[in-house]
């Protein structure tokens, strides 16, 4: 296993085996366990996969199955082509905007996906400059189709070229995937202007939940391909170690519920049906009125709600002096 914590280099204690759900997930992380740092309490997977194993996973399995409606992203109907991402973008822009000090901000989204967050910032700041870092081919094509400039190099190469340039940096559901989250946060700090703001969203997976079975249809039932697992305290601690002052840190989104272990190990019904149903039939059923209650609505109130055992953590931070 890795000998020390990714954040503070202290020793770690074993918690449980890593839960995988796909062939490439088992190849990359099938030997891994989850460990909790004895000092800072951050939870991490070890041993870490190789860069090639992770690349194989992202190329094949990461967007397989249409999670969160990723299979129906459509530039011609953007931004309401995908109401899950639309709600996320709207709720994040609503939360972050009071912390942005300029009327024409320069905004960077690291791991921008289909661009719904950048779109929401653009609606609030029509004269903003928006940049995406994204390497998924389907997402890059989508971003280009909606007029977003995209960098496809790794974040570790892009950020050193952009020091002191951004008024706001967004890292939404990316930090938990990084092999060196502390190193990237330190680079992000250098890329911000002095009064710039960093927004982060990660899954809420505190250590005391790892041996239980918390569940929600929009939350990861299995661990793959996450490397780091955050709680409110450990995310705040990592930001402070990286040189940030945390302005806001709270759980967000819908609530978890605990379910029995046997049910947790069964495939989630929607993904199981979609995996075996012909794509045309699935998309036809998705458009019918009787399936509307199972779909994301144009405004999902839980995306705008905070506090309690919810499925995400959102934080806002500035450079510490």
Protein backbone atom coordinates (compact mmCIF):
# COMPACT_ATOMS: atom_id res chain seq x y z
CA UNK A 1 0.00 0.00 0.00
CA UNK A 2 0.97 3.66 -0.11
CA UNK A 3 3.07 4.41 2.94
CA UNK A 4 1.54 7.75 3.90
CA UNK A 5 -1.43 10.10 3.59
CA UNK A 6 -1.71 12.08 0.36
CA UNK A 7 -2.29 15.28 2.35
CA UNK A 8 -0.15 15.24 5.50
CA UNK A 9 2.13 12.20 4.93
CA UNK A 10 1.08 10.59 8.22
CA UNK A 11 0.43 6.87 8.69
CA UNK A 12 -2.97 5.43 7.79
CA UNK A 13 -5.26 2.76 9.24
CA UNK A 14 -7.19 0.25 7.14
CA UNK A 15 -11.00 0.69 7.04
CA UNK A 16 -12.49 -1.75 4.48
CA UNK A 17 -11.94 -3.16 0.97
CA UNK A 18 -12.54 -0.85 -1.99
CA UNK A 19 -15.88 -1.49 -3.74
CA UNK A 20 -15.67 -1.85 -7.53
CA UNK A 21 -18.43 -2.36 -10.10
CA UNK A 22 -16.78 -2.78 -13.53
CA UNK A 23 -14.06 -4.72 -15.28
CA UNK A 24 -11.69 -1.76 -15.59
CA UNK A 25 -12.59 -0.66 -12.09
CA UNK A 26 -11.47 -4.05 -10.77
CA UNK A 27 -8.31 -3.83 -12.87
CA UNK A 28 -7.43 -0.39 -11.51
CA UNK A 29 -8.61 -0.65 -7.91
CA UNK A 30 -9.60 -4.26 -7.26
CA UNK A 31 -6.65 -4.75 -4.90
CA UNK A 32 -7.22 -1.49 -3.04
CA UNK A 33 -8.51 -0.83 0.45
CA UNK A 34 -9.78 2.37 2.00
CA UNK A 35 -7.50 3.84 4.66
CA UNK A 36 -8.07 6.66 7.15
CA UNK A 37 -5.18 8.96 8.01
CA UNK A 38 -4.38 8.74 11.71
CA UNK A 39 -3.53 12.44 11.84
CA UNK A 40 -5.83 14.44 9.51
CA UNK A 41 -8.53 11.71 9.16
CA UNK A 42 -8.66 11.99 5.37
CA UNK A 43 -9.83 8.72 3.74
CA UNK A 44 -7.96 7.46 0.69
CA UNK A 45 -7.64 4.40 -1.52
CA UNK A 46 -4.41 2.42 -1.53
CA UNK A 47 -2.55 1.13 -3.40
CA UNK A 48 -3.13 3.77 -6.04
CA UNK A 49 -3.78 2.66 -9.64
CA UNK A 50 -1.30 3.45 -12.38
CA UNK A 51 -2.04 6.38 -14.72
CA UNK A 52 -2.70 3.91 -17.55
CA UNK A 53 -5.18 1.91 -15.46
CA UNK A 54 -7.09 5.10 -14.68
CA UNK A 55 -6.98 6.18 -18.32
CA UNK A 56 -8.45 2.82 -19.37
CA UNK A 57 -11.22 3.22 -16.81
CA UNK A 58 -12.20 6.72 -17.90
CA UNK A 59 -12.06 5.77 -21.57
CA UNK A 60 -14.47 2.83 -21.18
CA UNK A 61 -16.47 2.80 -17.97
CA UNK A 62 -16.82 6.29 -16.51
CA UNK A 63 -19.73 7.51 -18.64
CA UNK A 64 -21.11 4.04 -19.37
CA UNK A 65 -24.75 3.61 -18.49
CA UNK A 66 -25.93 7.18 -18.83
CA UNK A 67 -25.48 8.16 -15.19
CA UNK A 68 -27.21 11.45 -14.37
CA UNK A 69 -28.52 11.56 -17.94
CA UNK A 70 -25.06 12.00 -19.45
CA UNK A 71 -26.24 10.00 -22.46
CA UNK A 72 -28.77 12.70 -23.41
CA UNK A 73 -26.52 15.77 -23.43
CA UNK A 74 -27.49 17.62 -26.61
CA UNK A 75 -25.89 20.89 -27.71
CA UNK A 76 -28.96 21.78 -29.79
CA UNK A 77 -31.14 21.84 -26.64
CA UNK A 78 -28.50 23.15 -24.23
CA UNK A 79 -28.68 24.05 -21.33
CA UNK A 80 -31.94 22.24 -20.52
CA UNK A 81 -30.92 19.14 -22.44
CA UNK A 82 -29.82 17.63 -19.13
CA UNK A 83 -31.79 18.85 -16.14
CA UNK A 84 -29.51 17.19 -13.58
CA UNK A 85 -26.53 19.20 -14.82
CA UNK A 86 -28.73 22.26 -15.41
CA UNK A 87 -29.82 22.26 -11.76
CA UNK A 88 -26.27 21.76 -10.57
CA UNK A 89 -25.00 24.66 -12.66
CA UNK A 90 -27.79 26.98 -11.56
CA UNK A 91 -27.45 26.16 -7.86
CA UNK A 92 -23.65 26.51 -7.88
CA UNK A 93 -23.73 29.89 -9.65
CA UNK A 94 -26.38 31.07 -7.17
CA UNK A 95 -24.21 30.07 -4.22
CA UNK A 96 -20.89 31.42 -5.54
CA UNK A 97 -21.97 34.72 -7.13
CA UNK A 98 -22.12 36.73 -3.85
CA UNK A 99 -18.43 35.93 -3.34
CA UNK A 100 -17.31 37.11 -6.81
CA UNK A 101 -15.98 40.67 -6.64
CA UNK A 102 -15.80 41.61 -10.34
CA UNK A 103 -18.59 42.27 -12.83
CA UNK A 104 -16.56 40.72 -15.68
CA UNK A 105 -14.87 37.77 -13.96
CA UNK A 106 -12.49 35.30 -15.51
CA UNK A 107 -13.85 31.85 -14.63
CA UNK A 108 -12.08 28.50 -14.95
CA UNK A 109 -13.94 25.19 -14.63
CA UNK A 110 -11.58 22.25 -14.06
CA UNK A 111 -13.28 19.12 -15.37
CA UNK A 112 -16.09 21.13 -16.94
CA UNK A 113 -18.07 18.19 -18.30
CA UNK A 114 -20.80 19.47 -20.61
CA UNK A 115 -20.46 23.12 -19.56
CA UNK A 116 -23.62 23.66 -17.54
CA UNK A 117 -21.80 25.39 -14.68
CA UNK A 118 -19.96 27.75 -17.04
CA UNK A 119 -23.24 28.48 -18.79
CA UNK A 120 -24.83 29.48 -15.49
CA UNK A 121 -21.96 31.84 -14.70
CA UNK A 122 -22.27 33.27 -18.20
CA UNK A 123 -25.94 34.06 -17.64
CA UNK A 124 -25.06 35.99 -14.48
CA UNK A 125 -21.96 37.62 -15.98
CA UNK A 126 -22.55 38.11 -19.74
CA UNK A 127 -19.11 39.71 -20.22
CA UNK A 128 -17.19 37.08 -18.29
CA UNK A 129 -14.30 35.12 -19.77
CA UNK A 130 -14.87 31.39 -19.39
CA UNK A 131 -12.33 28.61 -19.80
CA UNK A 132 -12.71 24.83 -19.41
CA UNK A 133 -10.16 22.13 -18.73
CA UNK A 134 -11.63 18.86 -20.03
CA UNK A 135 -10.23 15.76 -21.73
CA UNK A 136 -13.31 13.62 -22.40
CA UNK A 137 -13.83 13.71 -26.18
CA UNK A 138 -17.62 13.77 -25.96
CA UNK A 139 -17.52 16.65 -23.47
CA UNK A 140 -14.91 18.60 -25.45
CA UNK A 141 -17.06 18.37 -28.58
CA UNK A 142 -20.08 19.52 -26.59
CA UNK A 143 -18.19 22.46 -25.02
CA UNK A 144 -16.86 23.60 -28.37
CA UNK A 145 -20.37 23.39 -29.86
CA UNK A 146 -21.67 25.85 -27.24
CA UNK A 147 -18.76 28.24 -27.71
CA UNK A 148 -16.56 27.49 -24.69
CA UNK A 149 -12.77 27.62 -25.05
CA UNK A 150 -11.29 24.29 -23.92
CA UNK A 151 -7.82 23.25 -22.75
CA UNK A 152 -7.29 19.50 -23.11
CA UNK A 153 -3.89 19.26 -21.39
CA UNK A 154 -3.76 17.91 -17.82
CA UNK A 155 -4.53 20.45 -15.12
CA UNK A 156 -0.94 20.15 -13.89
CA UNK A 157 0.26 21.56 -17.23
CA UNK A 158 -2.43 24.19 -17.75
CA UNK A 159 -2.36 25.92 -14.34
CA UNK A 160 1.35 26.89 -14.32
CA UNK A 161 0.71 28.78 -17.59
CA UNK A 162 -2.20 30.69 -15.99
CA UNK A 163 -0.85 31.98 -12.68
CA UNK A 164 -2.72 34.96 -11.26
CA UNK A 165 -5.34 34.99 -14.04
CA UNK A 166 -8.68 33.83 -12.59
CA UNK A 167 -11.30 35.51 -10.44
CA UNK A 168 -13.12 32.20 -9.85
CA UNK A 169 -12.07 28.56 -10.18
CA UNK A 170 -14.62 25.74 -10.08
CA UNK A 171 -13.71 22.13 -9.20
CA UNK A 172 -16.93 20.13 -9.23
CA UNK A 173 -16.66 16.36 -8.69
CA UNK A 174 -13.02 16.30 -9.74
CA UNK A 175 -10.95 16.63 -6.56
CA UNK A 176 -11.89 13.13 -5.36
CA UNK A 177 -10.44 11.66 -8.57
CA UNK A 178 -6.99 13.29 -8.38
CA UNK A 179 -3.80 11.42 -7.52
CA UNK A 180 -2.35 14.55 -5.86
CA UNK A 181 -5.25 16.70 -4.61
CA UNK A 182 -3.06 18.83 -2.34
CA UNK A 183 -0.61 19.61 -5.12
CA UNK A 184 -3.40 20.63 -7.50
CA UNK A 185 -5.01 22.88 -4.86
CA UNK A 186 -1.70 24.65 -4.36
CA UNK A 187 -1.47 25.25 -8.12
CA UNK A 188 -5.07 26.51 -8.14
CA UNK A 189 -4.15 28.97 -5.38
CA UNK A 190 -1.40 30.42 -7.55
CA UNK A 191 -3.80 30.70 -10.51
CA UNK A 192 -6.23 32.92 -8.57
CA UNK A 193 -6.05 36.71 -8.29
CA UNK A 194 -5.56 37.96 -4.75
CA UNK A 195 -9.29 38.26 -4.01
CA UNK A 196 -10.27 35.31 -6.19
CA UNK A 197 -12.63 32.56 -5.07
CA UNK A 198 -12.39 28.76 -5.28
CA UNK A 199 -15.53 26.62 -5.37
CA UNK A 200 -15.33 22.87 -4.73
CA UNK A 201 -18.03 20.20 -4.75
CA UNK A 202 -17.27 16.59 -3.79
CA UNK A 203 -19.32 13.57 -2.67
CA UNK A 204 -20.04 13.60 1.06
CA UNK A 205 -18.51 10.35 2.32
CA UNK A 206 -17.43 10.75 5.95
CA UNK A 207 -15.40 7.97 7.52
CA UNK A 208 -18.23 6.86 9.83
CA UNK A 209 -20.40 6.09 6.76
CA UNK A 210 -17.89 3.78 5.09
CA UNK A 211 -18.96 0.66 6.99
CA UNK A 212 -22.68 1.50 6.62
CA UNK A 213 -24.77 1.52 3.46
CA UNK A 214 -25.92 5.10 2.72
CA UNK A 215 -27.79 5.30 -0.56
CA UNK A 216 -29.30 7.74 -3.04
CA UNK A 217 -29.92 7.36 -6.77
CA UNK A 218 -27.65 10.36 -7.47
CA UNK A 219 -24.84 9.27 -5.16
CA UNK A 220 -22.06 6.76 -5.92
CA UNK A 221 -23.02 3.33 -4.61
CA UNK A 222 -19.57 1.95 -5.41
CA UNK A 223 -16.22 3.62 -4.72
CA UNK A 224 -14.74 3.63 -8.21
CA UNK A 225 -12.94 5.60 -9.47
CA UNK A 226 -12.55 7.86 -6.41
CA UNK A 227 -9.14 8.16 -4.80
CA UNK A 228 -10.01 10.44 -1.86
CA UNK A 229 -13.19 10.48 0.26
CA UNK A 230 -14.20 13.69 2.02
CA UNK A 231 -16.13 14.84 5.05
CA UNK A 232 -16.79 18.46 6.00
CA UNK A 233 -13.79 18.44 8.35
CA UNK A 234 -11.33 16.77 6.01
CA UNK A 235 -12.21 18.97 3.03
CA UNK A 236 -11.84 22.07 5.20
CA UNK A 237 -8.53 20.76 6.56
CA UNK A 238 -7.14 20.02 3.09
CA UNK A 239 -8.05 23.52 1.87
CA UNK A 240 -6.38 25.12 4.86
CA UNK A 241 -3.24 23.01 4.34
CA UNK A 242 -3.17 24.21 0.71
CA UNK A 243 -3.20 27.84 1.84
CA UNK A 244 -6.90 28.74 1.66
CA UNK A 245 -9.26 30.43 4.09
CA UNK A 246 -12.61 28.62 4.03
CA UNK A 247 -15.55 31.02 3.70
CA UNK A 248 -18.30 28.38 3.38
CA UNK A 249 -18.38 24.59 3.78
CA UNK A 250 -21.64 22.66 4.04
CA UNK A 251 -23.43 19.55 2.82
CA UNK A 252 -25.79 20.03 -0.13
CA UNK A 253 -28.34 18.23 -2.27
CA UNK A 254 -30.77 15.45 -1.37
CA UNK A 255 -30.47 13.43 1.81
CA UNK A 256 -28.92 9.99 2.01
CA UNK A 257 -30.87 7.11 3.45
CA UNK A 258 -29.37 3.97 4.99
CA UNK A 259 -30.39 0.64 3.45
CA UNK A 260 -29.56 -3.01 4.29
CA UNK A 261 -26.24 -4.37 3.08
CA UNK A 262 -27.86 -7.03 0.87
CA UNK A 263 -29.86 -4.38 -0.97
CA UNK A 264 -26.82 -2.12 -1.31
CA UNK A 265 -24.96 -4.89 -3.12
CA UNK A 266 -27.72 -5.34 -5.69
CA UNK A 267 -27.46 -3.27 -8.90
CA UNK A 268 -29.47 -0.05 -8.75
CA UNK A 269 -32.69 -0.78 -10.65
CA UNK A 270 -32.47 2.10 -13.13
CA UNK A 271 -28.91 1.35 -14.22
CA UNK A 272 -29.65 -2.38 -14.48
CA UNK A 273 -32.67 -1.74 -16.72
CA UNK A 274 -30.77 0.75 -18.86
CA UNK A 275 -27.82 -1.57 -19.29
CA UNK A 276 -29.98 -4.28 -20.88
CA UNK A 277 -32.73 -2.25 -22.57
CA UNK A 278 -32.19 -1.17 -26.21
CA UNK A 279 -31.13 2.49 -26.24
CA UNK A 280 -33.93 3.60 -28.57
CA UNK A 281 -36.57 2.06 -26.33
CA UNK A 282 -35.04 3.65 -23.23
CA UNK A 283 -35.00 7.13 -24.80
CA UNK A 284 -38.55 6.67 -26.06
CA UNK A 285 -39.77 5.77 -22.56
CA UNK A 286 -37.84 8.69 -21.08
CA UNK A 287 -39.89 11.11 -23.21
CA UNK A 288 -43.28 9.75 -22.13
CA UNK A 289 -45.46 11.57 -19.62
CA UNK A 290 -45.82 8.57 -17.29
CA UNK A 291 -42.04 8.51 -16.65
CA UNK A 292 -41.93 12.18 -15.63
CA UNK A 293 -42.05 11.49 -11.85
CA UNK A 294 -38.80 9.48 -12.20
CA UNK A 295 -37.00 12.24 -14.08
CA UNK A 296 -35.13 15.30 -12.81
CA UNK A 297 -37.39 18.36 -12.81
CA UNK A 298 -36.50 21.77 -14.20
CA UNK A 299 -35.93 22.98 -10.64
CA UNK A 300 -34.96 20.35 -8.10
CA UNK A 301 -35.23 22.11 -4.77
CA UNK A 302 -32.76 19.80 -3.03
CA UNK A 303 -29.92 21.16 -5.18
CA UNK A 304 -30.38 24.49 -3.42
CA UNK A 305 -30.64 23.12 0.14
CA UNK A 306 -27.90 22.69 2.74
CA UNK A 307 -27.18 20.94 6.05
CA UNK A 308 -27.56 17.40 7.39
CA UNK A 309 -26.48 14.06 5.91
CA UNK A 310 -26.73 15.10 2.26
CA UNK A 311 -24.95 13.55 -0.70
CA UNK A 312 -22.54 16.39 -1.59
CA UNK A 313 -20.23 18.88 0.11
CA UNK A 314 -19.87 22.40 -1.28
CA UNK A 315 -17.15 24.80 -0.18
CA UNK A 316 -16.02 28.31 -1.04
CA UNK A 317 -12.51 29.48 -0.17
CA UNK A 318 -10.10 32.36 -0.75
CA UNK A 319 -6.36 32.65 -0.41
CA UNK A 320 -5.26 32.95 3.20
CA UNK A 321 -2.99 35.90 3.95
